[in-house]
N, C-alpha and C. Protein backbone atom coordinates (compact mmCIF):
# COMPACT_ATOMS: atom_id res chain seq x y z
N UNK A 1 -14.85 0.38 0.00
CA UNK A 1 -14.58 -0.38 -0.91
C UNK A 1 -15.37 -1.46 -1.54
N UNK A 2 -16.59 -0.96 -1.89
CA UNK A 2 -17.46 -1.68 -2.42
C UNK A 2 -17.38 -2.10 -3.98
N UNK A 3 -16.43 -1.30 -4.60
CA UNK A 3 -16.30 -1.53 -6.17
C UNK A 3 -15.68 -2.82 -6.22
N UNK A 4 -14.45 -3.04 -5.63
CA UNK A 4 -13.95 -4.34 -6.05
C UNK A 4 -14.83 -5.63 -5.84
N UNK A 5 -15.65 -5.31 -4.79
CA UNK A 5 -16.45 -6.52 -4.42
C UNK A 5 -17.25 -7.04 -5.56
N UNK A 6 -17.48 -6.09 -6.59
CA UNK A 6 -18.47 -6.58 -7.64
C UNK A 6 -17.76 -7.32 -8.65
N UNK A 7 -16.41 -7.34 -8.58
CA UNK A 7 -15.78 -8.05 -9.68
C UNK A 7 -14.81 -9.05 -9.19
N UNK A 8 -14.57 -9.14 -7.91
CA UNK A 8 -13.61 -10.13 -7.36
C UNK A 8 -14.32 -10.96 -6.26
N UNK A 9 -13.73 -12.05 -6.03
CA UNK A 9 -14.18 -12.89 -4.75
C UNK A 9 -14.30 -11.95 -3.68
N UNK A 10 -15.41 -12.15 -2.84
CA UNK A 10 -15.49 -11.34 -1.62
C UNK A 10 -14.89 -11.60 -0.42
N UNK A 11 -14.37 -12.91 -0.37
CA UNK A 11 -13.35 -13.29 0.66
C UNK A 11 -12.04 -12.68 0.33
N UNK A 12 -11.79 -12.41 -1.11
CA UNK A 12 -10.35 -11.82 -1.26
C UNK A 12 -10.57 -10.15 -0.88
N UNK A 13 -11.50 -9.80 -1.19
CA UNK A 13 -11.83 -8.32 -1.15
C UNK A 13 -11.61 -8.18 0.40
N UNK A 14 -12.31 -8.99 1.41
CA UNK A 14 -12.40 -8.78 2.67
C UNK A 14 -10.82 -8.95 3.46
N UNK A 15 -10.24 -9.91 2.70
CA UNK A 15 -9.00 -10.11 3.25
C UNK A 15 -7.94 -8.89 3.13
N UNK A 16 -8.15 -8.50 1.79
CA UNK A 16 -7.29 -7.51 1.58
C UNK A 16 -7.63 -6.18 2.06
N UNK A 17 -8.92 -5.80 2.51
CA UNK A 17 -9.46 -4.65 3.15
C UNK A 17 -9.00 -4.82 4.68
N UNK A 18 -8.97 -6.08 5.42
CA UNK A 18 -8.55 -6.16 6.55
C UNK A 18 -7.10 -6.10 6.81
N UNK A 19 -6.35 -6.47 5.78
CA UNK A 19 -4.98 -6.38 5.77
C UNK A 19 -4.44 -4.98 5.78
N UNK A 20 -5.00 -4.28 4.93
CA UNK A 20 -4.61 -2.69 4.62
C UNK A 20 -5.09 -2.12 5.90
N UNK A 21 -6.40 -2.52 6.47
CA UNK A 21 -6.63 -1.65 7.94
C UNK A 21 -5.87 -2.10 8.85
N UNK A 22 -5.41 -3.19 9.00
CA UNK A 22 -4.36 -3.67 10.11
C UNK A 22 -3.20 -2.94 9.91
N UNK A 23 -2.67 -2.87 8.92
CA UNK A 23 -1.25 -2.11 8.79
C UNK A 23 -1.64 -0.62 9.01
N UNK A 24 -2.69 -0.08 8.76
CA UNK A 24 -2.89 1.32 9.30
C UNK A 24 -2.79 1.29 10.58
N UNK A 25 -3.28 0.52 11.47
CA UNK A 25 -3.20 0.51 12.98
C UNK A 25 -1.84 0.43 13.33
N UNK A 26 -1.21 -0.44 12.51
CA UNK A 26 0.29 -0.84 13.05
C UNK A 26 1.01 0.55 12.81
N UNK A 27 0.78 1.03 11.50
CA UNK A 27 1.43 2.39 11.33
C UNK A 27 1.26 3.50 12.35
N UNK A 28 0.08 3.84 12.69
CA UNK A 28 -0.31 4.54 13.67
C UNK A 28 0.39 4.56 14.95
N UNK A 29 0.46 3.31 15.33
CA UNK A 29 1.24 2.97 16.57
C UNK A 29 2.64 3.30 16.55
N UNK A 30 3.36 2.93 15.40
CA UNK A 30 4.76 3.20 15.21
C UNK A 30 5.02 4.60 15.16
N UNK A 31 4.05 5.43 14.43
CA UNK A 31 4.36 6.90 14.42
C UNK A 31 4.20 7.60 15.72
N UNK A 32 3.30 7.03 16.47
CA UNK A 32 3.11 7.56 17.91
C UNK A 32 4.17 7.39 18.67
N UNK A 33 5.08 6.18 18.46
CA UNK A 33 6.30 5.97 19.27
C UNK A 33 7.48 6.61 18.69
N UNK A 34 7.48 6.62 17.17
CA UNK A 34 9.08 6.78 16.55
C UNK A 34 8.96 8.32 16.36
N UNK A 35 7.95 9.08 15.90
CA UNK A 35 8.09 10.63 15.73
C UNK A 35 8.64 11.05 16.98
N UNK A 36 7.85 10.98 18.08
CA UNK A 36 8.44 11.81 19.31
C UNK A 36 9.99 11.50 19.80
N UNK A 37 10.27 10.16 19.43
CA UNK A 37 11.73 9.78 19.61
C UNK A 37 12.68 10.65 18.73
N UNK A 38 12.33 10.43 17.51
CA UNK A 38 13.10 11.23 16.49
C UNK A 38 13.04 12.69 16.85
N UNK A 39 12.12 13.38 17.19
CA UNK A 39 12.06 14.87 17.44
C UNK A 39 13.03 14.91 18.67
N UNK A 40 12.99 14.14 19.81
CA UNK A 40 13.93 14.45 20.85
C UNK A 40 15.51 14.16 20.39
N UNK A 41 15.95 13.24 19.50
CA UNK A 41 17.14 12.89 19.32
C UNK A 41 17.60 13.90 18.23
N UNK A 42 16.76 14.26 17.05
CA UNK A 42 17.47 15.34 16.27
C UNK A 42 16.59 16.29 15.63
N UNK A 43 15.62 16.61 16.28
CA UNK A 43 14.52 17.71 15.91
C UNK A 43 13.66 17.25 14.64
N UNK A 44 13.21 18.26 14.00
CA UNK A 44 12.14 17.89 13.04
C UNK A 44 12.83 17.73 11.88
N UNK A 45 14.04 18.09 11.59
CA UNK A 45 14.96 17.62 10.46
C UNK A 45 15.02 16.33 10.25
N UNK A 46 15.39 15.45 11.56
CA UNK A 46 15.33 14.24 11.49
C UNK A 46 14.03 13.49 11.27
N UNK A 47 12.77 13.83 11.63
CA UNK A 47 11.43 13.38 11.18
C UNK A 47 11.30 13.57 9.78
N UNK A 48 11.83 14.57 8.90
CA UNK A 48 11.65 15.03 7.84
C UNK A 48 12.37 13.99 6.82
N UNK A 49 13.55 13.88 7.48
CA UNK A 49 14.56 12.92 6.68
C UNK A 49 13.99 11.45 6.74
N UNK A 50 13.65 10.98 8.00
CA UNK A 50 12.74 9.60 8.04
C UNK A 50 11.77 9.49 7.04
N UNK A 51 10.77 10.49 7.01
CA UNK A 51 9.55 10.10 6.19
C UNK A 51 10.00 10.33 4.73
N UNK A 52 11.04 11.27 4.32
CA UNK A 52 11.42 11.21 2.80
C UNK A 52 12.10 9.96 2.59
N UNK A 53 12.73 9.37 3.31
CA UNK A 53 13.44 8.26 2.95
C UNK A 53 12.39 6.94 3.04
N UNK A 54 11.63 7.17 3.97
CA UNK A 54 10.38 6.04 3.76
C UNK A 54 9.62 6.06 2.54
N UNK A 55 9.48 7.08 2.13
CA UNK A 55 8.70 7.38 1.02
C UNK A 55 9.49 6.96 -0.39
N UNK A 56 10.69 7.20 -0.46
CA UNK A 56 11.63 6.66 -1.44
C UNK A 56 11.66 5.07 -1.68
N UNK A 57 11.81 4.69 -0.20
CA UNK A 57 11.89 3.26 -0.25
C UNK A 57 10.40 2.67 -0.76
N UNK A 58 9.43 3.06 -0.48
CA UNK A 58 8.06 2.62 -0.74
C UNK A 58 8.04 2.74 -2.29
N UNK A 59 8.36 3.93 -2.71
CA UNK A 59 8.16 4.12 -4.19
C UNK A 59 8.88 3.20 -4.94
N UNK A 60 10.04 2.70 -4.60
CA UNK A 60 11.05 1.87 -5.11
C UNK A 60 10.45 0.56 -5.12
N UNK A 61 9.96 0.14 -4.04
CA UNK A 61 9.39 -1.30 -3.75
C UNK A 61 8.22 -1.57 -4.67
N UNK A 62 7.26 -0.34 -4.77
CA UNK A 62 5.88 -0.34 -5.52
C UNK A 62 6.48 -0.57 -7.04
N UNK A 63 7.42 0.18 -7.69
CA UNK A 63 7.92 0.22 -8.77
C UNK A 63 8.44 -1.17 -9.17
N UNK A 64 9.21 -1.73 -8.22
CA UNK A 64 10.01 -2.92 -8.57
C UNK A 64 8.75 -4.22 -8.63
N UNK A 65 7.83 -4.19 -7.85
CA UNK A 65 6.70 -5.18 -7.81
C UNK A 65 5.90 -5.10 -9.13
N UNK A 66 5.58 -3.58 -9.61
CA UNK A 66 4.63 -3.46 -10.56
C UNK A 66 5.43 -3.78 -11.89
N UNK A 67 6.80 -3.68 -12.12
CA UNK A 67 7.61 -3.87 -13.22
C UNK A 67 7.88 -5.73 -13.26
N UNK A 68 7.83 -6.15 -12.24
CA UNK A 68 8.13 -7.68 -12.01
C UNK A 68 6.78 -8.23 -12.34
N UNK A 69 5.60 -7.82 -12.10
CA UNK A 69 4.35 -8.25 -12.63
C UNK A 69 3.98 -8.13 -13.86
N UNK A 70 4.38 -6.81 -14.37
CA UNK A 70 4.16 -6.69 -15.97
C UNK A 70 5.14 -7.63 -16.63
N UNK A 71 6.11 -7.96 -16.52
CA UNK A 71 7.13 -8.84 -17.35
C UNK A 71 6.48 -10.22 -17.29
N UNK A 72 6.07 -10.75 -16.15
CA UNK A 72 5.46 -11.87 -15.80
C UNK A 72 4.45 -12.22 -16.85
N UNK A 73 3.47 -11.18 -17.21
CA UNK A 73 2.19 -11.30 -17.77
C UNK A 73 1.00 -11.68 -17.08
N UNK A 74 1.32 -11.95 -15.69
CA UNK A 74 0.14 -12.24 -14.81
C UNK A 74 -0.44 -11.07 -14.53
N UNK A 75 0.12 -10.15 -14.62
CA UNK A 75 -0.65 -8.54 -14.17
C UNK A 75 -1.66 -8.57 -15.28
N UNK A 76 -1.49 -8.66 -16.52
CA UNK A 76 -2.61 -8.49 -17.61
C UNK A 76 -3.72 -9.40 -17.33
N UNK A 77 -3.73 -10.52 -16.75
CA UNK A 77 -4.70 -11.34 -16.60
C UNK A 77 -5.54 -10.82 -15.18
N UNK A 78 -4.90 -10.46 -14.31
CA UNK A 78 -5.54 -9.82 -13.19
C UNK A 78 -6.26 -8.61 -13.27
N UNK A 79 -5.54 -7.73 -14.08
CA UNK A 79 -6.14 -6.56 -14.44
C UNK A 79 -7.58 -6.63 -15.45
N UNK A 80 -7.44 -7.72 -16.25
CA UNK A 80 -8.73 -7.90 -17.21
C UNK A 80 -9.93 -7.97 -16.26
N UNK A 81 -9.64 -8.41 -15.08
CA UNK A 81 -10.95 -8.39 -14.14
C UNK A 81 -11.29 -7.13 -13.39
N UNK A 82 -10.33 -6.30 -13.31
CA UNK A 82 -10.53 -4.88 -12.90
C UNK A 82 -11.18 -3.95 -14.01
N UNK A 83 -10.75 -4.24 -15.24
CA UNK A 83 -11.21 -3.40 -16.32
C UNK A 83 -12.36 -3.86 -16.72
N UNK A 84 -13.18 -4.93 -16.30
CA UNK A 84 -14.25 -5.32 -16.83
C UNK A 84 -15.57 -4.13 -16.87
N UNK A 85 -15.93 -4.24 -18.21
CA UNK A 85 -17.02 -3.16 -18.56
C UNK A 85 -18.41 -3.81 -18.51
N UNK A 86 -19.21 -3.26 -17.83
CA UNK A 86 -20.46 -3.86 -18.01
C UNK A 86 -21.27 -3.40 -19.19
N UNK A 87 -21.67 -4.23 -20.05
CA UNK A 87 -22.47 -3.94 -21.09
C UNK A 87 -23.98 -3.54 -20.83
N UNK A 88 -24.48 -2.61 -21.21
CA UNK A 88 -25.90 -2.31 -20.94
C UNK A 88 -26.65 -2.61 -22.24
């Protein structure tokens, strides 16, 4: 994740990277405990249903947050930093 550190405050990039990394570890722990439990309870169909439902929930939440920030106008200001083109 060296690309964002060129355009944003390094403390913000480090915090975001740490948060994402921490959530990956939490997710790995949950998967290690939850998937075997779901297989024992209902088989692989239950696991597939769980992951499908989780994906749709995440898609809905991301769309909701994206649309909310686009209507506020704040996202455009934030994206200006990310779309900065260096002039040679």
